[in-house]
């Protein structure tokens, strides 16, 4: 009975301290984990009565003292007790402390899609391939080299480091479907899986992205095709240099554990580079491009980048105006649905 009273007083003391901290501590404007502005009371007077309490609840939740530290400790404890962690169904804590992005609960672009629960229909498959070849054929007629690079999700390359319950399932992803039906698409899954056998890590353990060496292997694979039109870009070789440091990692950040893991970053030392570069590259991309830039800069004199989320897949007018020699569309595997858009064959004519 006495122990119960002690726990009760400890709990009340904790609440009292949190209440004091809530009013005393400075309210930060940006949530460091969610990467968004926190709720404020600025517009409270303009809300309908039924929304006031919801707004206040969201405000308290956003500004709860030491919230992110509590989230971090909770995830760390969960991992220690149950040997895996999942924060809001977004992060899976796998073997050897590898983290994976699990985007599957409310959409089909992550783990569920990887294991064939959402296969592309024949109609969708034909539409993607038709769109790709519509762009490619237009580029060919206008003397522009075109390549599509679909960067695999990390779990497509390192399934052995997924939580144990996933490891015995065969991956039958939409990307597997695509590269099986259209051999003109570079199969980076095969390229990267073959290369990882040399015990070189190609993706960050606590981030969704590939590192510079993984990106280099993808660019090198593309140069094999580019050499048919631009033979002067061979040879092209690099080796990995490791630099150990702490850095911001998106998956670790999602579970509040950024800074708990020691990040081993990768840089490149180029041993052979082309003596002449291709004049002008236009690339539509997502965040995977950042690790690709050191390699691309060794091949192209000028690189013009556009994000697909704001610029789309670009019109023929833009490509002609920019006097493009090579046009690349780079998409991470989970964003390949962009290729399902409506591109009429007459648009590129």
C-alpha atoms as a PDB file:
ATOM      1  CA  UNK A   1       0.000   0.000   0.000  1.00  0.00           C
ATOM      2  CA  UNK A   2       2.831   2.362   0.906  1.00  0.00           C
ATOM      3  CA  UNK A   3       4.560   1.615  -2.402  1.00  0.00           C
ATOM      4  CA  UNK A   4       1.362   2.562  -4.250  1.00  0.00           C
ATOM      5  CA  UNK A   5       1.265   5.947  -2.488  1.00  0.00           C
ATOM      6  CA  UNK A   6       4.911   6.563  -3.330  1.00  0.00           C
ATOM      7  CA  UNK A   7       4.257   5.857  -7.026  1.00  0.00           C
ATOM      8  CA  UNK A   8       1.202   8.124  -6.951  1.00  0.00           C
ATOM      9  CA  UNK A   9       3.208  11.009  -5.479  1.00  0.00           C
ATOM     10  CA  UNK A  10       6.003  10.449  -7.995  1.00  0.00           C
ATOM     11  CA  UNK A  11       3.462  10.564 -10.813  1.00  0.00           C
ATOM     12  CA  UNK A  12       1.857  13.764  -9.449  1.00  0.00           C
ATOM     13  CA  UNK A  13       5.292  15.332  -9.042  1.00  0.00           C
ATOM     14  CA  UNK A  14       6.090  14.421 -12.636  1.00  0.00           C
ATOM     15  CA  UNK A  15       2.863  16.039 -13.868  1.00  0.00           C
ATOM     16  CA  UNK A  16       3.526  19.147 -11.784  1.00  0.00           C
ATOM     17  CA  UNK A  17       7.032  19.497 -13.182  1.00  0.00           C
ATOM     18  CA  UNK A  18       5.767  19.015 -16.724  1.00  0.00           C
ATOM     19  CA  UNK A  19       3.135  21.698 -16.148  1.00  0.00           C
ATOM     20  CA  UNK A  20       5.786  24.121 -14.900  1.00  0.00           C
ATOM     21  CA  UNK A  21       8.065  23.322 -17.833  1.00  0.00           C
ATOM     22  CA  UNK A  22       5.128  23.758 -20.228  1.00  0.00           C
ATOM     23  CA  UNK A  23       4.643  27.389 -19.179  1.00  0.00           C
ATOM     24  CA  UNK A  24       8.294  28.284 -18.486  1.00  0.00           C
ATOM     25  CA  UNK A  25      10.220  26.738 -21.364  1.00  0.00           C
ATOM     26  CA  UNK A  26      10.488  28.509 -24.710  1.00  0.00           C
ATOM     27  CA  UNK A  27       8.080  27.186 -27.334  1.00  0.00           C
ATOM     28  CA  UNK A  28      10.003  26.023 -30.400  1.00  0.00           C
ATOM     29  CA  UNK A  29       8.449  26.873 -33.758  1.00  0.00           C
ATOM     30  CA  UNK A  30       9.626  23.785 -35.679  1.00  0.00           C
ATOM     31  CA  UNK A  31       9.229  20.122 -34.723  1.00  0.00           C
ATOM     32  CA  UNK A  32      12.688  18.599 -35.268  1.00  0.00           C
ATOM     33  CA  UNK A  33      11.276  15.111 -35.894  1.00  0.00           C
ATOM     34  CA  UNK A  34       8.181  15.874 -37.975  1.00  0.00           C
ATOM     35  CA  UNK A  35       9.942  18.698 -39.848  1.00  0.00           C
ATOM     36  CA  UNK A  36       6.928  21.009 -39.728  1.00  0.00           C
ATOM     37  CA  UNK A  37       5.746  24.114 -37.914  1.00  0.00           C
ATOM     38  CA  UNK A  38       4.190  23.429 -34.532  1.00  0.00           C
ATOM     39  CA  UNK A  39       0.592  24.349 -33.746  1.00  0.00           C
ATOM     40  CA  UNK A  40       0.146  27.849 -32.331  1.00  0.00           C
ATOM     41  CA  UNK A  41      -2.729  29.660 -30.575  1.00  0.00           C
ATOM     42  CA  UNK A  42      -2.678  32.480 -33.093  1.00  0.00           C
ATOM     43  CA  UNK A  43      -5.941  31.621 -34.852  1.00  0.00           C
ATOM     44  CA  UNK A  44      -7.781  30.110 -31.900  1.00  0.00           C
ATOM     45  CA  UNK A  45     -10.386  32.885 -31.764  1.00  0.00           C
ATOM     46  CA  UNK A  46     -11.431  32.270 -35.369  1.00  0.00           C
ATOM     47  CA  UNK A  47     -12.222  28.572 -34.916  1.00  0.00           C
ATOM     48  CA  UNK A  48     -15.677  27.088 -34.484  1.00  0.00           C
ATOM     49  CA  UNK A  49     -16.462  25.852 -30.972  1.00  0.00           C
ATOM     50  CA  UNK A  50     -16.249  22.198 -31.972  1.00  0.00           C
ATOM     51  CA  UNK A  51     -12.700  22.693 -33.305  1.00  0.00           C
ATOM     52  CA  UNK A  52     -11.310  24.668 -30.357  1.00  0.00           C
ATOM     53  CA  UNK A  53     -10.699  21.642 -28.147  1.00  0.00           C
ATOM     54  CA  UNK A  54      -9.091  19.711 -31.003  1.00  0.00           C
ATOM     55  CA  UNK A  55      -6.798  22.663 -31.663  1.00  0.00           C
ATOM     56  CA  UNK A  56      -5.876  22.972 -27.965  1.00  0.00           C
ATOM     57  CA  UNK A  57      -5.195  19.235 -27.771  1.00  0.00           C
ATOM     58  CA  UNK A  58      -2.894  19.455 -30.803  1.00  0.00           C
ATOM     59  CA  UNK A  59      -1.159  22.495 -29.290  1.00  0.00           C
ATOM     60  CA  UNK A  60      -0.464  20.716 -25.988  1.00  0.00           C
ATOM     61  CA  UNK A  61       0.749  17.633 -27.852  1.00  0.00           C
ATOM     62  CA  UNK A  62       3.114  19.662 -30.027  1.00  0.00           C
ATOM     63  CA  UNK A  63       4.592  21.584 -27.090  1.00  0.00           C
ATOM     64  CA  UNK A  64       4.661  18.810 -24.475  1.00  0.00           C
ATOM     65  CA  UNK A  65       7.994  19.342 -22.658  1.00  0.00           C
ATOM     66  CA  UNK A  66      10.773  16.969 -23.745  1.00  0.00           C
ATOM     67  CA  UNK A  67       8.349  15.099 -26.006  1.00  0.00           C
ATOM     68  CA  UNK A  68      11.004  14.029 -28.499  1.00  0.00           C
ATOM     69  CA  UNK A  69      13.310  12.808 -25.734  1.00  0.00           C
ATOM     70  CA  UNK A  70      10.496  10.658 -24.322  1.00  0.00           C
ATOM     71  CA  UNK A  71       9.832   9.253 -27.812  1.00  0.00           C
ATOM     72  CA  UNK A  72      13.520   8.391 -28.202  1.00  0.00           C
ATOM     73  CA  UNK A  73      13.749   6.632 -24.835  1.00  0.00           C
ATOM     74  CA  UNK A  74      10.504   4.759 -25.507  1.00  0.00           C
ATOM     75  CA  UNK A  75      11.800   3.442 -28.822  1.00  0.00           C
ATOM     76  CA  UNK A  76      15.157   2.536 -27.314  1.00  0.00           C
ATOM     77  CA  UNK A  77      13.449   0.637 -24.481  1.00  0.00           C
ATOM     78  CA  UNK A  78      11.066  -1.082 -26.923  1.00  0.00           C
ATOM     79  CA  UNK A  79      14.043  -2.278 -28.965  1.00  0.00           C
ATOM     80  CA  UNK A  80      15.817  -3.555 -25.849  1.00  0.00           C
ATOM     81  CA  UNK A  81      12.803  -5.514 -24.604  1.00  0.00           C
ATOM     82  CA  UNK A  82      11.148  -6.706 -27.821  1.00  0.00           C
ATOM     83  CA  UNK A  83      14.180  -6.512 -30.147  1.00  0.00           C
ATOM     84  CA  UNK A  84      12.429  -4.386 -32.776  1.00  0.00           C
ATOM     85  CA  UNK A  85      10.800  -0.979 -32.951  1.00  0.00           C
ATOM     86  CA  UNK A  86       8.153   0.697 -35.041  1.00  0.00           C
ATOM     87  CA  UNK A  87       7.280   4.383 -34.697  1.00  0.00           C
ATOM     88  CA  UNK A  88       3.813   5.171 -36.049  1.00  0.00           C
ATOM     89  CA  UNK A  89       4.192   2.246 -38.468  1.00  0.00           C
ATOM     90  CA  UNK A  90       6.887   4.136 -40.374  1.00  0.00           C
ATOM     91  CA  UNK A  91      10.196   2.720 -39.167  1.00  0.00           C
ATOM     92  CA  UNK A  92      11.172  -0.932 -38.837  1.00  0.00           C
ATOM     93  CA  UNK A  93      14.170  -1.753 -36.664  1.00  0.00           C
ATOM     94  CA  UNK A  94      15.837  -4.708 -38.336  1.00  0.00           C
ATOM     95  CA  UNK A  95      18.855  -6.922 -37.809  1.00  0.00           C
ATOM     96  CA  UNK A  96      22.268  -5.414 -36.990  1.00  0.00           C
ATOM     97  CA  UNK A  97      20.543  -2.116 -36.095  1.00  0.00           C
ATOM     98  CA  UNK A  98      19.452  -1.455 -39.690  1.00  0.00           C
ATOM     99  CA  UNK A  99      16.419   0.829 -39.966  1.00  0.00           C
ATOM    100  CA  UNK A 100      13.914   0.573 -42.823  1.00  0.00           C
ATOM    101  CA  UNK A 101      11.174   2.888 -44.027  1.00  0.00           C
ATOM    102  CA  UNK A 102       7.817   1.140 -43.788  1.00  0.00           C
ATOM    103  CA  UNK A 103       5.370   3.168 -45.846  1.00  0.00           C
ATOM    104  CA  UNK A 104       2.797   0.429 -46.159  1.00  0.00           C
ATOM    105  CA  UNK A 105       0.024   0.853 -43.614  1.00  0.00           C
ATOM    106  CA  UNK A 106      -1.849   3.567 -45.525  1.00  0.00           C
ATOM    107  CA  UNK A 107      -0.236   3.277 -48.945  1.00  0.00           C
ATOM    108  CA  UNK A 108       1.323   0.695 -51.236  1.00  0.00           C
ATOM    109  CA  UNK A 109       4.764   2.199 -51.757  1.00  0.00           C
ATOM    110  CA  UNK A 110       6.781   0.336 -49.156  1.00  0.00           C
ATOM    111  CA  UNK A 111       7.001  -3.052 -47.502  1.00  0.00           C
ATOM    112  CA  UNK A 112       3.621  -4.443 -48.575  1.00  0.00           C
ATOM    113  CA  UNK A 113       4.283  -3.550 -52.195  1.00  0.00           C
ATOM    114  CA  UNK A 114       7.724  -5.187 -51.997  1.00  0.00           C
ATOM    115  CA  UNK A 115       6.204  -8.556 -51.166  1.00  0.00           C
ATOM    116  CA  UNK A 116       3.609  -8.593 -53.926  1.00  0.00           C
ATOM    117  CA  UNK A 117       0.510  -7.510 -51.998  1.00  0.00           C
ATOM    118  CA  UNK A 118      -0.056  -4.731 -54.526  1.00  0.00           C
ATOM    119  CA  UNK A 119       1.162  -5.922 -57.905  1.00  0.00           C
ATOM    120  CA  UNK A 120       0.881  -3.751 -60.978  1.00  0.00           C
ATOM    121  CA  UNK A 121      -2.008  -4.738 -63.201  1.00  0.00           C
ATOM    122  CA  UNK A 122      -1.282  -5.493 -66.853  1.00  0.00           C
ATOM    123  CA  UNK A 123      -2.930  -2.200 -67.739  1.00  0.00           C
ATOM    124  CA  UNK A 124      -0.743  -0.238 -65.317  1.00  0.00           C
ATOM    125  CA  UNK A 125       2.377  -2.062 -66.462  1.00  0.00           C
ATOM    126  CA  UNK A 126       1.673  -1.333 -70.118  1.00  0.00           C
ATOM    127  CA  UNK A 127       0.924   2.306 -69.342  1.00  0.00           C
ATOM    128  CA  UNK A 128       4.243   2.850 -67.523  1.00  0.00           C
ATOM    129  CA  UNK A 129       6.215   1.162 -70.298  1.00  0.00           C
ATOM    130  CA  UNK A 130       4.318   3.137 -72.957  1.00  0.00           C
ATOM    131  CA  UNK A 131       5.067   6.398 -71.130  1.00  0.00           C
ATOM    132  CA  UNK A 132       8.764   5.565 -70.846  1.00  0.00           C
ATOM    133  CA  UNK A 133       9.067   4.708 -74.530  1.00  0.00           C
ATOM    134  CA  UNK A 134       7.035   7.743 -75.590  1.00  0.00           C
ATOM    135  CA  UNK A 135       9.658   9.973 -73.944  1.00  0.00           C
ATOM    136  CA  UNK A 136      12.553   7.824 -75.108  1.00  0.00           C
ATOM    137  CA  UNK A 137      11.418   7.759 -78.744  1.00  0.00           C
ATOM    138  CA  UNK A 138      10.963  11.545 -78.810  1.00  0.00           C
ATOM    139  CA  UNK A 139      14.436  12.026 -77.334  1.00  0.00           C
ATOM    140  CA  UNK A 140      15.954   9.677 -79.908  1.00  0.00           C
ATOM    141  CA  UNK A 141      14.327  11.581 -82.782  1.00  0.00           C
ATOM    142  CA  UNK A 142      15.734  14.831 -81.367  1.00  0.00           C
ATOM    143  CA  UNK A 143      19.245  13.423 -80.772  1.00  0.00           C
ATOM    144  CA  UNK A 144      18.895  13.432 -76.979  1.00  0.00           C
ATOM    145  CA  UNK A 145      20.048  10.407 -75.015  1.00  0.00           C
ATOM    146  CA  UNK A 146      17.399   9.319 -72.475  1.00  0.00           C
ATOM    147  CA  UNK A 147      17.746   7.076 -69.438  1.00  0.00           C
ATOM    148  CA  UNK A 148      15.402   6.142 -66.604  1.00  0.00           C
ATOM    149  CA  UNK A 149      17.044   5.355 -63.258  1.00  0.00           C
ATOM    150  CA  UNK A 150      14.775   3.814 -60.625  1.00  0.00           C
ATOM    151  CA  UNK A 151      16.738   3.737 -57.365  1.00  0.00           C
ATOM    152  CA  UNK A 152      15.736   0.680 -55.299  1.00  0.00           C
ATOM    153  CA  UNK A 153      14.312   1.057 -51.813  1.00  0.00           C
ATOM    154  CA  UNK A 154      16.814  -0.041 -49.193  1.00  0.00           C
ATOM    155  CA  UNK A 155      14.833  -3.153 -48.267  1.00  0.00           C
ATOM    156  CA  UNK A 156      15.032  -4.273 -51.923  1.00  0.00           C
ATOM    157  CA  UNK A 157      18.834  -4.448 -51.611  1.00  0.00           C
ATOM    158  CA  UNK A 158      19.229  -5.565 -47.981  1.00  0.00           C
ATOM    159  CA  UNK A 159      16.305  -7.937 -47.261  1.00  0.00           C
ATOM    160  CA  UNK A 160      18.577  -9.985 -44.988  1.00  0.00           C
ATOM    161  CA  UNK A 161      18.677  -7.076 -42.532  1.00  0.00           C
ATOM    162  CA  UNK A 162      14.908  -6.696 -42.278  1.00  0.00           C
ATOM    163  CA  UNK A 163      13.206  -7.822 -39.058  1.00  0.00           C
ATOM    164  CA  UNK A 164      13.237 -11.623 -38.854  1.00  0.00           C
ATOM    165  CA  UNK A 165       9.529 -11.961 -39.661  1.00  0.00           C
ATOM    166  CA  UNK A 166      10.156 -10.491 -43.148  1.00  0.00           C
ATOM    167  CA  UNK A 167      13.315 -12.366 -44.083  1.00  0.00           C
ATOM    168  CA  UNK A 168      11.795 -15.592 -45.385  1.00  0.00           C
ATOM    169  CA  UNK A 169       9.370 -13.833 -47.710  1.00  0.00           C
ATOM    170  CA  UNK A 170      10.307 -13.596 -51.363  1.00  0.00           C
ATOM    171  CA  UNK A 171      10.164 -10.079 -52.723  1.00  0.00           C
ATOM    172  CA  UNK A 172       7.931  -9.676 -55.782  1.00  0.00           C
ATOM    173  CA  UNK A 173       7.828  -5.936 -56.083  1.00  0.00           C
ATOM    174  CA  UNK A 174       6.420  -3.685 -58.773  1.00  0.00           C
ATOM    175  CA  UNK A 175       9.992  -2.781 -59.725  1.00  0.00           C
ATOM    176  CA  UNK A 176      10.727  -6.471 -60.282  1.00  0.00           C
ATOM    177  CA  UNK A 177       7.713  -6.559 -62.578  1.00  0.00           C
ATOM    178  CA  UNK A 178       8.910  -3.535 -64.536  1.00  0.00           C
ATOM    179  CA  UNK A 179      12.475  -4.677 -65.187  1.00  0.00           C
ATOM    180  CA  UNK A 180      11.212  -8.152 -66.123  1.00  0.00           C
ATOM    181  CA  UNK A 181       8.810  -6.760 -68.721  1.00  0.00           C
ATOM    182  CA  UNK A 182      11.140  -4.109 -70.142  1.00  0.00           C
ATOM    183  CA  UNK A 183      14.844  -4.951 -70.307  1.00  0.00           C
ATOM    184  CA  UNK A 184      15.627  -1.400 -71.490  1.00  0.00           C
ATOM    185  CA  UNK A 185      15.219  -0.292 -67.848  1.00  0.00           C
ATOM    186  CA  UNK A 186      18.482  -0.645 -65.937  1.00  0.00           C
ATOM    187  CA  UNK A 187      18.026  -3.309 -63.267  1.00  0.00           C
ATOM    188  CA  UNK A 188      19.718  -1.558 -60.349  1.00  0.00           C
ATOM    189  CA  UNK A 189      18.435  -4.195 -57.925  1.00  0.00           C
ATOM    190  CA  UNK A 190      20.698  -6.764 -59.589  1.00  0.00           C
ATOM    191  CA  UNK A 191      23.593  -4.321 -59.923  1.00  0.00           C
ATOM    192  CA  UNK A 192      23.547  -3.305 -56.262  1.00  0.00           C
ATOM    193  CA  UNK A 193      22.852  -6.771 -54.844  1.00  0.00           C
ATOM    194  CA  UNK A 194      25.792  -8.173 -56.804  1.00  0.00           C
ATOM    195  CA  UNK A 195      28.062  -5.364 -55.602  1.00  0.00           C
ATOM    196  CA  UNK A 196      27.159  -5.646 -51.908  1.00  0.00           C
ATOM    197  CA  UNK A 197      28.683  -9.145 -51.860  1.00  0.00           C
ATOM    198  CA  UNK A 198      32.086  -7.497 -51.433  1.00  0.00           C
ATOM    199  CA  UNK A 199      30.874  -6.323 -47.971  1.00  0.00           C
ATOM    200  CA  UNK A 200      30.641  -2.716 -49.066  1.00  0.00           C
ATOM    201  CA  UNK A 201      27.626  -0.924 -47.567  1.00  0.00           C
ATOM    202  CA  UNK A 202      25.749   0.889 -50.332  1.00  0.00           C
ATOM    203  CA  UNK A 203      22.999   2.469 -48.205  1.00  0.00           C
ATOM    204  CA  UNK A 204      23.088   4.219 -44.850  1.00  0.00           C
ATOM    205  CA  UNK A 205      21.990   1.961 -42.003  1.00  0.00           C
ATOM    206  CA  UNK A 206      19.861   4.651 -40.339  1.00  0.00           C
ATOM    207  CA  UNK A 207      18.694   6.585 -43.396  1.00  0.00           C
ATOM    208  CA  UNK A 208      16.532   5.766 -46.416  1.00  0.00           C
ATOM    209  CA  UNK A 209      19.144   6.887 -48.960  1.00  0.00           C
ATOM    210  CA  UNK A 210      22.029   5.206 -50.703  1.00  0.00           C
ATOM    211  CA  UNK A 211      25.507   6.537 -50.029  1.00  0.00           C
ATOM    212  CA  UNK A 212      27.927   7.962 -52.584  1.00  0.00           C
ATOM    213  CA  UNK A 213      29.353   4.540 -53.448  1.00  0.00           C
ATOM    214  CA  UNK A 214      25.933   3.004 -54.078  1.00  0.00           C
ATOM    215  CA  UNK A 215      25.061   6.004 -56.242  1.00  0.00           C
ATOM    216  CA  UNK A 216      28.407   5.718 -58.064  1.00  0.00           C
ATOM    217  CA  UNK A 217      27.632   2.102 -58.999  1.00  0.00           C
ATOM    218  CA  UNK A 218      24.315   3.208 -60.491  1.00  0.00           C
ATOM    219  CA  UNK A 219      25.967   6.015 -62.479  1.00  0.00           C
ATOM    220  CA  UNK A 220      28.710   3.642 -63.635  1.00  0.00           C
ATOM    221  CA  UNK A 221      26.085   1.170 -64.858  1.00  0.00           C
ATOM    222  CA  UNK A 222      24.482   3.977 -66.825  1.00  0.00           C
ATOM    223  CA  UNK A 223      27.824   4.989 -68.362  1.00  0.00           C
ATOM    224  CA  UNK A 224      28.126   1.541 -69.954  1.00  0.00           C
ATOM    225  CA  UNK A 225      25.139   2.519 -72.092  1.00  0.00           C
ATOM    226  CA  UNK A 226      26.271   6.102 -72.573  1.00  0.00           C
ATOM    227  CA  UNK A 227      29.572   4.860 -73.999  1.00  0.00           C
ATOM    228  CA  UNK A 228      27.800   3.630 -77.130  1.00  0.00           C
ATOM    229  CA  UNK A 229      27.039   7.245 -78.044  1.00  0.00           C
ATOM    230  CA  UNK A 230      29.873   8.932 -76.132  1.00  0.00           C
ATOM    231  CA  UNK A 231      32.821   6.471 -76.183  1.00  0.00           C
ATOM    232  CA  UNK A 232      35.191   9.103 -74.797  1.00  0.00           C
ATOM    233  CA  UNK A 233      33.678   8.910 -71.273  1.00  0.00           C
ATOM    234  CA  UNK A 234      35.467   5.633 -70.508  1.00  0.00           C
ATOM    235  CA  UNK A 235      37.236   4.797 -68.178  1.00  0.00           C
ATOM    236  CA  UNK A 236      35.356   5.634 -64.981  1.00  0.00           C
ATOM    237  CA  UNK A 237      36.448   4.158 -61.634  1.00  0.00           C
ATOM    238  CA  UNK A 238      36.246   5.143 -57.960  1.00  0.00           C
ATOM    239  CA  UNK A 239      36.971   3.630 -54.564  1.00  0.00           C
ATOM    240  CA  UNK A 240      35.258   4.130 -51.223  1.00  0.00           C
ATOM    241  CA  UNK A 241      36.639   6.290 -48.426  1.00  0.00           C
ATOM    242  CA  UNK A 242      34.925   6.049 -45.035  1.00  0.00           C
ATOM    243  CA  UNK A 243      34.523   9.032 -42.759  1.00  0.00           C
ATOM    244  CA  UNK A 244      33.008   8.386 -39.319  1.00  0.00           C
ATOM    245  CA  UNK A 245      30.891  11.217 -37.988  1.00  0.00           C
ATOM    246  CA  UNK A 246      27.520  12.035 -36.492  1.00  0.00           C
ATOM    247  CA  UNK A 247      24.942  13.368 -38.904  1.00  0.00           C
ATOM    248  CA  UNK A 248      21.257  13.820 -39.500  1.00  0.00           C
ATOM    249  CA  UNK A 249      19.608  10.606 -40.684  1.00  0.00           C
ATOM    250  CA  UNK A 250      15.951  10.564 -41.637  1.00  0.00           C
ATOM    251  CA  UNK A 251      14.966   7.143 -40.240  1.00  0.00           C
ATOM    252  CA  UNK A 252      16.815   7.674 -36.963  1.00  0.00           C
ATOM    253  CA  UNK A 253      15.140  11.072 -36.748  1.00  0.00           C
ATOM    254  CA  UNK A 254      11.669   9.525 -37.204  1.00  0.00           C
ATOM    255  CA  UNK A 255      12.136   7.518 -34.013  1.00  0.00           C
ATOM    256  CA  UNK A 256      13.834  10.363 -32.153  1.00  0.00           C
ATOM    257  CA  UNK A 257      17.232   8.686 -32.100  1.00  0.00           C
ATOM    258  CA  UNK A 258      19.290  10.994 -34.293  1.00  0.00           C
ATOM    259  CA  UNK A 259      22.656  11.282 -32.581  1.00  0.00           C
ATOM    260  CA  UNK A 260      22.352   7.896 -30.832  1.00  0.00           C
ATOM    261  CA  UNK A 261      23.902   6.126 -33.813  1.00  0.00           C
ATOM    262  CA  UNK A 262      27.407   6.717 -35.110  1.00  0.00           C
ATOM    263  CA  UNK A 263      27.124   7.355 -38.822  1.00  0.00           C
ATOM    264  CA  UNK A 264      29.865   6.034 -41.055  1.00  0.00           C
ATOM    265  CA  UNK A 265      29.697   8.274 -44.088  1.00  0.00           C
ATOM    266  CA  UNK A 266      31.117   7.403 -47.479  1.00  0.00           C
ATOM    267  CA  UNK A 267      33.084   9.579 -49.870  1.00  0.00           C
ATOM    268  CA  UNK A 268      34.647   8.729 -53.199  1.00  0.00           C
ATOM    269  CA  UNK A 269      38.206   8.813 -54.451  1.00  0.00           C
ATOM    270  CA  UNK A 270      38.169   8.677 -58.250  1.00  0.00           C
ATOM    271  CA  UNK A 271      41.024   6.623 -59.680  1.00  0.00           C
ATOM    272  CA  UNK A 272      39.981   6.996 -63.328  1.00  0.00           C
ATOM    273  CA  UNK A 273      37.838   9.731 -64.814  1.00  0.00           C
ATOM    274  CA  UNK A 274      36.876  10.557 -68.399  1.00  0.00           C
ATOM    275  CA  UNK A 275      39.280  12.829 -70.229  1.00  0.00           C
ATOM    276  CA  UNK A 276      36.323  14.536 -71.901  1.00  0.00           C
ATOM    277  CA  UNK A 277      32.845  15.242 -70.543  1.00  0.00           C
ATOM    278  CA  UNK A 278      29.395  15.256 -72.119  1.00  0.00           C
ATOM    279  CA  UNK A 279      28.283  18.893 -72.484  1.00  0.00           C
ATOM    280  CA  UNK A 280      24.786  19.130 -71.016  1.00  0.00           C
ATOM    281  CA  UNK A 281      22.691  16.946 -68.688  1.00  0.00           C
ATOM    282  CA  UNK A 282      19.102  17.629 -67.684  1.00  0.00           C
ATOM    283  CA  UNK A 283      17.947  15.480 -64.772  1.00  0.00           C
ATOM    284  CA  UNK A 284      14.537  15.272 -63.101  1.00  0.00           C
ATOM    285  CA  UNK A 285      15.066  13.868 -59.644  1.00  0.00           C
ATOM    286  CA  UNK A 286      14.185  13.313 -55.993  1.00  0.00           C
ATOM    287  CA  UNK A 287      16.465  13.354 -52.934  1.00  0.00           C
ATOM    288  CA  UNK A 288      18.537  10.371 -54.145  1.00  0.00           C
ATOM    289  CA  UNK A 289      20.390  12.704 -56.508  1.00  0.00           C
ATOM    290  CA  UNK A 290      22.543  14.209 -53.743  1.00  0.00           C
ATOM    291  CA  UNK A 291      24.782  11.150 -53.471  1.00  0.00           C
ATOM    292  CA  UNK A 292      24.913  10.901 -57.269  1.00  0.00           C
ATOM    293  CA  UNK A 293      26.335  14.379 -57.865  1.00  0.00           C
ATOM    294  CA  UNK A 294      30.058  13.595 -57.254  1.00  0.00           C
ATOM    295  CA  UNK A 295      29.864  10.895 -59.958  1.00  0.00           C
ATOM    296  CA  UNK A 296      27.696  12.855 -62.394  1.00  0.00           C
ATOM    297  CA  UNK A 297      30.044  15.843 -62.177  1.00  0.00           C
ATOM    298  CA  UNK A 298      32.865  13.656 -63.537  1.00  0.00           C
ATOM    299  CA  UNK A 299      30.844  12.878 -66.673  1.00  0.00           C
ATOM    300  CA  UNK A 300      28.960  16.093 -67.502  1.00  0.00           C
ATOM    301  CA  UNK A 301      30.157  19.668 -67.925  1.00  0.00           C
ATOM    302  CA  UNK A 302      26.776  21.195 -67.089  1.00  0.00           C
ATOM    303  CA  UNK A 303      24.049  19.656 -64.914  1.00  0.00           C
ATOM    304  CA  UNK A 304      20.601  21.226 -64.786  1.00  0.00           C
ATOM    305  CA  UNK A 305      18.383  19.647 -62.139  1.00  0.00           C
ATOM    306  CA  UNK A 306      14.619  19.771 -61.754  1.00  0.00           C
ATOM    307  CA  UNK A 307      12.508  18.140 -59.044  1.00  0.00           C
ATOM    308  CA  UNK A 308       9.663  16.024 -60.404  1.00  0.00           C
ATOM    309  CA  UNK A 309       7.391  17.169 -57.558  1.00  0.00           C
ATOM    310  CA  UNK A 310       7.469  20.784 -58.770  1.00  0.00           C
ATOM    311  CA  UNK A 311       8.544  20.555 -62.414  1.00  0.00           C
ATOM    312  CA  UNK A 312       6.983  17.266 -63.520  1.00  0.00           C
ATOM    313  CA  UNK A 313       8.642  15.161 -66.225  1.00  0.00           C
ATOM    314  CA  UNK A 314       9.375  18.249 -68.364  1.00  0.00           C
ATOM    315  CA  UNK A 315       7.956  19.211 -71.739  1.00  0.00           C
ATOM    316  CA  UNK A 316       9.734  18.863 -75.103  1.00  0.00           C
ATOM    317  CA  UNK A 317       9.933  22.660 -75.295  1.00  0.00           C
ATOM    318  CA  UNK A 318      12.084  22.828 -72.146  1.00  0.00           C
ATOM    319  CA  UNK A 319      14.430  20.087 -73.331  1.00  0.00           C
ATOM    320  CA  UNK A 320      14.912  21.761 -76.710  1.00  0.00           C
ATOM    321  CA  UNK A 321      15.310  25.224 -75.217  1.00  0.00           C
ATOM    322  CA  UNK A 322      18.036  24.000 -72.846  1.00  0.00           C
ATOM    323  CA  UNK A 323      19.899  22.300 -75.716  1.00  0.00           C
ATOM    324  CA  UNK A 324      20.069  19.048 -73.724  1.00  0.00           C
ATOM    325  CA  UNK A 325      22.442  16.228 -74.708  1.00  0.00           C
ATOM    326  CA  UNK A 326      21.330  13.721 -72.063  1.00  0.00           C
ATOM    327  CA  UNK A 327      17.988  13.587 -70.255  1.00  0.00           C
ATOM    328  CA  UNK A 328      17.655  11.446 -67.107  1.00  0.00           C
ATOM    329  CA  UNK A 329      14.627  10.769 -64.963  1.00  0.00           C
ATOM    330  CA  UNK A 330      15.723   9.577 -61.508  1.00  0.00           C
ATOM    331  CA  UNK A 331      13.091   8.232 -59.119  1.00  0.00           C
ATOM    332  CA  UNK A 332      13.385   6.232 -55.934  1.00  0.00           C
ATOM    333  CA  UNK A 333      11.420   2.983 -56.152  1.00  0.00           C
ATOM    334  CA  UNK A 334       8.597   4.110 -53.871  1.00  0.00           C
ATOM    335  CA  UNK A 335       7.907   7.152 -56.091  1.00  0.00           C
ATOM    336  CA  UNK A 336       7.783   5.302 -59.403  1.00  0.00           C
ATOM    337  CA  UNK A 337       3.999   5.857 -59.484  1.00  0.00           C
ATOM    338  CA  UNK A 338       4.864   9.183 -61.136  1.00  0.00           C
ATOM    339  CA  UNK A 339       5.341   7.131 -64.300  1.00  0.00           C
ATOM    340  CA  UNK A 340       1.632   6.219 -64.248  1.00  0.00           C
ATOM    341  CA  UNK A 341       0.673   9.757 -65.226  1.00  0.00           C
ATOM    342  CA  UNK A 342      -1.166  10.503 -68.450  1.00  0.00           C
ATOM    343  CA  UNK A 343       1.374  11.181 -71.189  1.00  0.00           C
ATOM    344  CA  UNK A 344      -0.321  11.262 -74.556  1.00  0.00           C
ATOM    345  CA  UNK A 345       1.901   9.902 -77.361  1.00  0.00           C
ATOM    346  CA  UNK A 346       1.255  13.125 -79.324  1.00  0.00           C
ATOM    347  CA  UNK A 347       2.719  15.210 -76.484  1.00  0.00           C
ATOM    348  CA  UNK A 348       6.244  14.110 -77.463  1.00  0.00           C
ATOM    349  CA  UNK A 349       6.147  14.332 -81.243  1.00  0.00           C
END
